Amino acid sequence: MELDPFGLQSVFSTYARAIGWSIVAALGFSIGIGLALKVFDWMSTDIDEWEEIKNGNMGVSLIFITLIASVAFLVHKVL
């Protein structure tokens, strides 16, 4: 049996799939960005980035913003 594309059941099915993919995308973004920040933190052992950000170091903040944006663009293309 084929669903009517304009029927109520078809609309709810489409909404459920959209919400499901939104949840998958949110999980993918959060895991991807979290892993990227952790790996970056492990690779740069000479500096405590979080302490520098708390002290107002804009250079370290910009590096983190760039890292988060680049990972977000990559995860967006994958999903």
PDB file of N, CA and C in Angstrom:
ATOM      1  N   MET A   1       0.849  -1.183   0.000  1.00  0.00           N
ATOM      2  CA  MET A   1       0.000   0.000   0.000  1.00  0.00           C
ATOM      3  C   MET A   1       0.890   1.241   0.000  1.00  0.00           C
ATOM      4  N   GLU A   2       0.617   2.122  -0.906  1.00  0.00           N
ATOM      5  CA  GLU A   2       1.405   3.339  -1.047  1.00  0.00           C
ATOM      6  C   GLU A   2       0.736   4.487  -0.297  1.00  0.00           C
ATOM      7  N   LEU A   3       1.541   5.297   0.377  1.00  0.00           N
ATOM      8  CA  LEU A   3       0.992   6.420   1.138  1.00  0.00           C
ATOM      9  C   LEU A   3       0.664   7.587   0.222  1.00  0.00           C
ATOM     10  N   ASP A   4      -0.383   8.288   0.573  1.00  0.00           N
ATOM     11  CA  ASP A   4      -0.734   9.516  -0.124  1.00  0.00           C
ATOM     12  C   ASP A   4       0.295  10.578   0.266  1.00  0.00           C
ATOM     13  N   PRO A   5       1.002  11.168  -0.712  1.00  0.00           N
ATOM     14  CA  PRO A   5       2.061  12.129  -0.353  1.00  0.00           C
ATOM     15  C   PRO A   5       1.547  13.367   0.371  1.00  0.00           C
ATOM     16  N   PHE A   6       0.269  13.650   0.262  1.00  0.00           N
ATOM     17  CA  PHE A   6      -0.298  14.826   0.925  1.00  0.00           C
ATOM     18  C   PHE A   6      -1.168  14.449   2.119  1.00  0.00           C
ATOM     19  N   GLY A   7      -1.169  13.178   2.468  1.00  0.00           N
ATOM     20  CA  GLY A   7      -1.977  12.722   3.591  1.00  0.00           C
ATOM     21  C   GLY A   7      -1.317  13.020   4.920  1.00  0.00           C
ATOM     22  N   LEU A   8      -2.102  12.949   5.955  1.00  0.00           N
ATOM     23  CA  LEU A   8      -1.627  13.269   7.305  1.00  0.00           C
ATOM     24  C   LEU A   8      -0.560  12.285   7.773  1.00  0.00           C
ATOM     25  N   GLN A   9      -0.717  11.006   7.447  1.00  0.00           N
ATOM     26  CA  GLN A   9       0.263   9.996   7.859  1.00  0.00           C
ATOM     27  C   GLN A   9       1.612  10.232   7.178  1.00  0.00           C
ATOM     28  N   SER A  10       1.579  10.634   5.929  1.00  0.00           N
ATOM     29  CA  SER A  10       2.821  10.918   5.202  1.00  0.00           C
ATOM     30  C   SER A  10       3.530  12.144   5.776  1.00  0.00           C
ATOM     31  N   VAL A  11       2.763  13.147   6.141  1.00  0.00           N
ATOM     32  CA  VAL A  11       3.344  14.366   6.724  1.00  0.00           C
ATOM     33  C   VAL A  11       4.008  14.049   8.058  1.00  0.00           C
ATOM     34  N   PHE A  12       3.327  13.276   8.910  1.00  0.00           N
ATOM     35  CA  PHE A  12       3.908  12.924  10.199  1.00  0.00           C
ATOM     36  C   PHE A  12       5.143  12.044  10.038  1.00  0.00           C
ATOM     37  N   SER A  13       5.127  11.174   9.034  1.00  0.00           N
ATOM     38  CA  SER A  13       6.296  10.339   8.761  1.00  0.00           C
ATOM     39  C   SER A  13       7.490  11.193   8.346  1.00  0.00           C
ATOM     40  N   THR A  14       7.231  12.188   7.526  1.00  0.00           N
ATOM     41  CA  THR A  14       8.302  13.098   7.091  1.00  0.00           C
ATOM     42  C   THR A  14       8.834  13.909   8.268  1.00  0.00           C
ATOM     43  N   TYR A  15       7.937  14.372   9.126  1.00  0.00           N
ATOM     44  CA  TYR A  15       8.362  15.113  10.319  1.00  0.00           C
ATOM     45  C   TYR A  15       9.209  14.238  11.243  1.00  0.00           C
ATOM     46  N   ALA A  16       8.807  12.998  11.420  1.00  0.00           N
ATOM     47  CA  ALA A  16       9.564  12.088  12.288  1.00  0.00           C
ATOM     48  C   ALA A  16      10.957  11.837  11.732  1.00  0.00           C
ATOM     49  N   ARG A  17      11.065  11.661  10.416  1.00  0.00           N
ATOM     50  CA  ARG A  17      12.394  11.471   9.826  1.00  0.00           C
ATOM     51  C   ARG A  17      13.252  12.727   9.974  1.00  0.00           C
ATOM     52  N   ALA A  18      12.661  13.895   9.794  1.00  0.00           N
ATOM     53  CA  ALA A  18      13.415  15.147   9.930  1.00  0.00           C
ATOM     54  C   ALA A  18      13.906  15.328  11.362  1.00  0.00           C
ATOM     55  N   ILE A  19      13.064  15.036  12.333  1.00  0.00           N
ATOM     56  CA  ILE A  19      13.471  15.155  13.739  1.00  0.00           C
ATOM     57  C   ILE A  19      14.556  14.136  14.055  1.00  0.00           C
ATOM     58  N   GLY A  20      14.421  12.919  13.530  1.00  0.00           N
ATOM     59  CA  GLY A  20      15.445  11.894  13.737  1.00  0.00           C
ATOM     60  C   GLY A  20      16.798  12.318  13.186  1.00  0.00           C
ATOM     61  N   TRP A  21      16.808  12.853  11.959  1.00  0.00           N
ATOM     62  CA  TRP A  21      18.069  13.294  11.377  1.00  0.00           C
ATOM     63  C   TRP A  21      18.637  14.499  12.120  1.00  0.00           C
ATOM     64  N   SER A  22      17.777  15.348  12.664  1.00  0.00           N
ATOM     65  CA  SER A  22      18.263  16.488  13.453  1.00  0.00           C
ATOM     66  C   SER A  22      18.963  16.010  14.718  1.00  0.00           C
ATOM     67  N   ILE A  23      18.410  14.975  15.345  1.00  0.00           N
ATOM     68  CA  ILE A  23      19.043  14.419  16.546  1.00  0.00           C
ATOM     69  C   ILE A  23      20.384  13.777  16.187  1.00  0.00           C
ATOM     70  N   VAL A  24      20.420  13.039  15.072  1.00  0.00           N
ATOM     71  CA  VAL A  24      21.677  12.426  14.630  1.00  0.00           C
ATOM     72  C   VAL A  24      22.717  13.506  14.330  1.00  0.00           C
ATOM     73  N   ALA A  25      22.312  14.574  13.665  1.00  0.00           N
ATOM     74  CA  ALA A  25      23.245  15.658  13.348  1.00  0.00           C
ATOM     75  C   ALA A  25      23.765  16.333  14.615  1.00  0.00           C
ATOM     76  N   ALA A  26      22.888  16.570  15.583  1.00  0.00           N
ATOM     77  CA  ALA A  26      23.314  17.206  16.833  1.00  0.00           C
ATOM     78  C   ALA A  26      24.315  16.330  17.580  1.00  0.00           C
ATOM     79  N   LEU A  27      24.051  15.033  17.621  1.00  0.00           N
ATOM     80  CA  LEU A  27      24.999  14.120  18.272  1.00  0.00           C
ATOM     81  C   LEU A  27      26.326  14.083  17.519  1.00  0.00           C
ATOM     82  N   GLY A  28      26.260  14.050  16.198  1.00  0.00           N
ATOM     83  CA  GLY A  28      27.487  14.038  15.400  1.00  0.00           C
ATOM     84  C   GLY A  28      28.322  15.282  15.609  1.00  0.00           C
ATOM     85  N   PHE A  29      27.661  16.447  15.620  1.00  0.00           N
ATOM     86  CA  PHE A  29      28.384  17.697  15.862  1.00  0.00           C
ATOM     87  C   PHE A  29      29.021  17.720  17.245  1.00  0.00           C
ATOM     88  N   SER A  30      28.265  17.337  18.248  1.00  0.00           N
ATOM     89  CA  SER A  30      28.801  17.421  19.610  1.00  0.00           C
ATOM     90  C   SER A  30      29.947  16.437  19.817  1.00  0.00           C
ATOM     91  N   ILE A  31      29.830  15.240  19.305  1.00  0.00           N
ATOM     92  CA  ILE A  31      30.918  14.259  19.446  1.00  0.00           C
ATOM     93  C   ILE A  31      32.129  14.693  18.637  1.00  0.00           C
ATOM     94  N   GLY A  32      31.913  15.152  17.414  1.00  0.00           N
ATOM     95  CA  GLY A  32      33.026  15.576  16.559  1.00  0.00           C
ATOM     96  C   GLY A  32      33.791  16.756  17.126  1.00  0.00           C
ATOM     97  N   ILE A  33      33.082  17.759  17.587  1.00  0.00           N
ATOM     98  CA  ILE A  33      33.746  18.946  18.137  1.00  0.00           C
ATOM     99  C   ILE A  33      34.421  18.614  19.465  1.00  0.00           C
ATOM    100  N   GLY A  34      33.764  17.803  20.279  1.00  0.00           N
ATOM    101  CA  GLY A  34      34.378  17.396  21.548  1.00  0.00           C
ATOM    102  C   GLY A  34      35.670  16.625  21.335  1.00  0.00           C
ATOM    103  N   LEU A  35      35.654  15.688  20.397  1.00  0.00           N
ATOM    104  CA  LEU A  35      36.877  14.923  20.095  1.00  0.00           C
ATOM    105  C   LEU A  35      37.978  15.819  19.528  1.00  0.00           C
ATOM    106  N   ALA A  36      37.602  16.725  18.645  1.00  0.00           N
ATOM    107  CA  ALA A  36      38.612  17.614  18.051  1.00  0.00           C
ATOM    108  C   ALA A  36      39.266  18.495  19.110  1.00  0.00           C
ATOM    109  N   LEU A  37      38.464  19.040  20.020  1.00  0.00           N
ATOM    110  CA  LEU A  37      39.039  19.872  21.083  1.00  0.00           C
ATOM    111  C   LEU A  37      39.929  19.050  22.007  1.00  0.00           C
ATOM    112  N   LYS A  38      39.534  17.819  22.304  1.00  0.00           N
ATOM    113  CA  LYS A  38      40.340  16.968  23.182  1.00  0.00           C
ATOM    114  C   LYS A  38      41.666  16.607  22.510  1.00  0.00           C
ATOM    115  N   VAL A  39      41.618  16.258  21.230  1.00  0.00           N
ATOM    116  CA  VAL A  39      42.856  15.925  20.500  1.00  0.00           C
ATOM    117  C   VAL A  39      43.763  17.144  20.419  1.00  0.00           C
ATOM    118  N   PHE A  40      43.192  18.311  20.152  1.00  0.00           N
ATOM    119  CA  PHE A  40      43.993  19.533  20.107  1.00  0.00           C
ATOM    120  C   PHE A  40      44.617  19.815  21.460  1.00  0.00           C
ATOM    121  N   ASP A  41      43.874  19.571  22.518  1.00  0.00           N
ATOM    122  CA  ASP A  41      44.389  19.772  23.871  1.00  0.00           C
ATOM    123  C   ASP A  41      45.537  18.808  24.165  1.00  0.00           C
ATOM    124  N   TRP A  42      45.405  17.551  23.720  1.00  0.00           N
ATOM    125  CA  TRP A  42      46.483  16.573  23.924  1.00  0.00           C
ATOM    126  C   TRP A  42      47.722  16.923  23.114  1.00  0.00           C
ATOM    127  N   MET A  43      47.539  17.473  21.916  1.00  0.00           N
ATOM    128  CA  MET A  43      48.683  17.769  21.044  1.00  0.00           C
ATOM    129  C   MET A  43      49.465  18.992  21.508  1.00  0.00           C
ATOM    130  N   SER A  44      48.815  19.924  22.136  1.00  0.00           N
ATOM    131  CA  SER A  44      49.507  21.141  22.573  1.00  0.00           C
ATOM    132  C   SER A  44      49.735  21.057  24.085  1.00  0.00           C
ATOM    133  N   THR A  45      50.811  20.396  24.460  1.00  0.00           N
ATOM    134  CA  THR A  45      51.087  20.171  25.879  1.00  0.00           C
ATOM    135  C   THR A  45      51.805  21.345  26.542  1.00  0.00           C
ATOM    136  N   ASP A  46      52.356  22.269  25.751  1.00  0.00           N
ATOM    137  CA  ASP A  46      53.136  23.366  26.319  1.00  0.00           C
ATOM    138  C   ASP A  46      52.287  24.485  26.911  1.00  0.00           C
ATOM    139  N   ILE A  47      51.013  24.517  26.567  1.00  0.00           N
ATOM    140  CA  ILE A  47      50.173  25.632  26.988  1.00  0.00           C
ATOM    141  C   ILE A  47      48.845  25.095  27.527  1.00  0.00           C
ATOM    142  N   ASP A  48      48.325  25.743  28.555  1.00  0.00           N
ATOM    143  CA  ASP A  48      47.011  25.407  29.088  1.00  0.00           C
ATOM    144  C   ASP A  48      46.003  26.361  28.442  1.00  0.00           C
ATOM    145  N   GLU A  49      45.352  25.881  27.373  1.00  0.00           N
ATOM    146  CA  GLU A  49      44.479  26.736  26.577  1.00  0.00           C
ATOM    147  C   GLU A  49      43.312  27.300  27.376  1.00  0.00           C
ATOM    148  N   TRP A  50      42.707  26.460  28.197  1.00  0.00           N
ATOM    149  CA  TRP A  50      41.535  26.915  28.942  1.00  0.00           C
ATOM    150  C   TRP A  50      41.896  28.016  29.939  1.00  0.00           C
ATOM    151  N   GLU A  51      43.072  27.917  30.550  1.00  0.00           N
ATOM    152  CA  GLU A  51      43.517  28.969  31.477  1.00  0.00           C
ATOM    153  C   GLU A  51      43.806  30.262  30.714  1.00  0.00           C
ATOM    154  N   GLU A  52      44.396  30.124  29.521  1.00  0.00           N
ATOM    155  CA  GLU A  52      44.679  31.305  28.699  1.00  0.00           C
ATOM    156  C   GLU A  52      43.377  31.986  28.264  1.00  0.00           C
ATOM    157  N   ILE A  53      42.364  31.206  27.929  1.00  0.00           N
ATOM    158  CA  ILE A  53      41.085  31.793  27.545  1.00  0.00           C
ATOM    159  C   ILE A  53      40.445  32.505  28.734  1.00  0.00           C
ATOM    160  N   LYS A  54      40.537  31.913  29.928  1.00  0.00           N
ATOM    161  CA  LYS A  54      40.002  32.552  31.136  1.00  0.00           C
ATOM    162  C   LYS A  54      40.721  33.868  31.422  1.00  0.00           C
ATOM    163  N   ASN A  55      42.017  33.933  31.074  1.00  0.00           N
ATOM    164  CA  ASN A  55      42.797  35.152  31.297  1.00  0.00           C
ATOM    165  C   ASN A  55      42.586  36.189  30.207  1.00  0.00           C
ATOM    166  N   GLY A  56      41.775  35.862  29.182  1.00  0.00           N
ATOM    167  CA  GLY A  56      41.461  36.845  28.150  1.00  0.00           C
ATOM    168  C   GLY A  56      42.389  36.825  26.955  1.00  0.00           C
ATOM    169  N   ASN A  57      43.126  35.756  26.734  1.00  0.00           N
ATOM    170  CA  ASN A  57      44.015  35.660  25.594  1.00  0.00           C
ATOM    171  C   ASN A  57      43.180  35.441  24.331  1.00  0.00           C
ATOM    172  N   MET A  58      43.066  36.488  23.506  1.00  0.00           N
ATOM    173  CA  MET A  58      42.225  36.427  22.315  1.00  0.00           C
ATOM    174  C   MET A  58      42.812  35.524  21.232  1.00  0.00           C
ATOM    175  N   GLY A  59      44.125  35.390  21.186  1.00  0.00           N
ATOM    176  CA  GLY A  59      44.750  34.525  20.178  1.00  0.00           C
ATOM    177  C   GLY A  59      44.337  33.066  20.350  1.00  0.00           C
ATOM    178  N   VAL A  60      44.374  32.586  21.568  1.00  0.00           N
ATOM    179  CA  VAL A  60      43.978  31.200  21.845  1.00  0.00           C
ATOM    180  C   VAL A  60      42.479  31.035  21.597  1.00  0.00           C
ATOM    181  N   SER A  61      41.702  32.048  21.939  1.00  0.00           N
ATOM    182  CA  SER A  61      40.263  31.988  21.680  1.00  0.00           C
ATOM    183  C   SER A  61      39.974  31.884  20.192  1.00  0.00           C
ATOM    184  N   LEU A  62      40.698  32.656  19.392  1.00  0.00           N
ATOM    185  CA  LEU A  62      40.498  32.602  17.938  1.00  0.00           C
ATOM    186  C   LEU A  62      40.913  31.247  17.360  1.00  0.00           C
ATOM    187  N   ILE A  63      41.959  30.649  17.909  1.00  0.00           N
ATOM    188  CA  ILE A  63      42.361  29.314  17.453  1.00  0.00           C
ATOM    189  C   ILE A  63      41.261  28.308  17.760  1.00  0.00           C
ATOM    190  N   PHE A  64      40.673  28.385  18.943  1.00  0.00           N
ATOM    191  CA  PHE A  64      39.590  27.468  19.300  1.00  0.00           C
ATOM    192  C   PHE A  64      38.358  27.701  18.431  1.00  0.00           C
ATOM    193  N   ILE A  65      38.028  28.951  18.170  1.00  0.00           N
ATOM    194  CA  ILE A  65      36.872  29.255  17.320  1.00  0.00           C
ATOM    195  C   ILE A  65      37.093  28.688  15.923  1.00  0.00           C
ATOM    196  N   THR A  66      38.294  28.865  15.389  1.00  0.00           N
ATOM    197  CA  THR A  66      38.615  28.334  14.063  1.00  0.00           C
ATOM    198  C   THR A  66      38.551  26.812  14.055  1.00  0.00           C
ATOM    199  N   LEU A  67      39.053  26.182  15.085  1.00  0.00           N
ATOM    200  CA  LEU A  67      39.007  24.726  15.186  1.00  0.00           C
ATOM    201  C   LEU A  67      37.567  24.231  15.230  1.00  0.00           C
ATOM    202  N   ILE A  68      36.732  24.866  16.033  1.00  0.00           N
ATOM    203  CA  ILE A  68      35.327  24.466  16.134  1.00  0.00           C
ATOM    204  C   ILE A  68      34.611  24.674  14.800  1.00  0.00           C
ATOM    205  N   ALA A  69      34.861  25.803  14.134  1.00  0.00           N
ATOM    206  CA  ALA A  69      34.200  26.066  12.850  1.00  0.00           C
ATOM    207  C   ALA A  69      34.634  25.066  11.782  1.00  0.00           C
ATOM    208  N   SER A  70      35.930  24.752  11.734  1.00  0.00           N
ATOM    209  CA  SER A  70      36.400  23.812  10.710  1.00  0.00           C
ATOM    210  C   SER A  70      35.855  22.408  10.945  1.00  0.00           C
ATOM    211  N   VAL A  71      35.795  21.972  12.181  1.00  0.00           N
ATOM    212  CA  VAL A  71      35.210  20.651  12.473  1.00  0.00           C
ATOM    213  C   VAL A  71      33.718  20.665  12.162  1.00  0.00           C
ATOM    214  N   ALA A  72      33.042  21.761  12.458  1.00  0.00           N
ATOM    215  CA  ALA A  72      31.609  21.858  12.149  1.00  0.00           C
ATOM    216  C   ALA A  72      31.364  21.754  10.653  1.00  0.00           C
ATOM    217  N   PHE A  73      32.211  22.409   9.847  1.00  0.00           N
ATOM    218  CA  PHE A  73      32.051  22.313   8.397  1.00  0.00           C
ATOM    219  C   PHE A  73      32.306  20.890   7.906  1.00  0.00           C
ATOM    220  N   LEU A  74      33.284  20.230   8.460  1.00  0.00           N
ATOM    221  CA  LEU A  74      33.555  18.847   8.060  1.00  0.00           C
ATOM    222  C   LEU A  74      32.429  17.901   8.451  1.00  0.00           C
ATOM    223  N   VAL A  75      31.949  18.031   9.683  1.00  0.00           N
ATOM    224  CA  VAL A  75      30.856  17.160  10.128  1.00  0.00           C
ATOM    225  C   VAL A  75      29.594  17.438   9.334  1.00  0.00           C
ATOM    226  N   HIS A  76      29.368  18.707   8.999  1.00  0.00           N
ATOM    227  CA  HIS A  76      28.194  19.071   8.201  1.00  0.00           C
ATOM    228  C   HIS A  76      28.239  18.392   6.834  1.00  0.00           C
ATOM    229  N   LYS A  77      29.394  18.341   6.209  1.00  0.00           N
ATOM    230  CA  LYS A  77      29.519  17.709   4.898  1.00  0.00           C
ATOM    231  C   LYS A  77      29.321  16.194   4.983  1.00  0.00           C
ATOM    232  N   VAL A  78      29.733  15.605   6.092  1.00  0.00           N
ATOM    233  CA  VAL A  78      29.581  14.154   6.245  1.00  0.00           C
ATOM    234  C   VAL A  78      28.116  13.795   6.464  1.00  0.00           C
ATOM    235  N   LEU A  79      27.443  14.572   7.308  1.00  0.00           N
ATOM    236  CA  LEU A  79      26.038  14.267   7.592  1.00  0.00           C
ATOM    237  C   LEU A  79      25.169  14.790   6.503  1.00  0.00           C
TER     238      LEU A  79
END
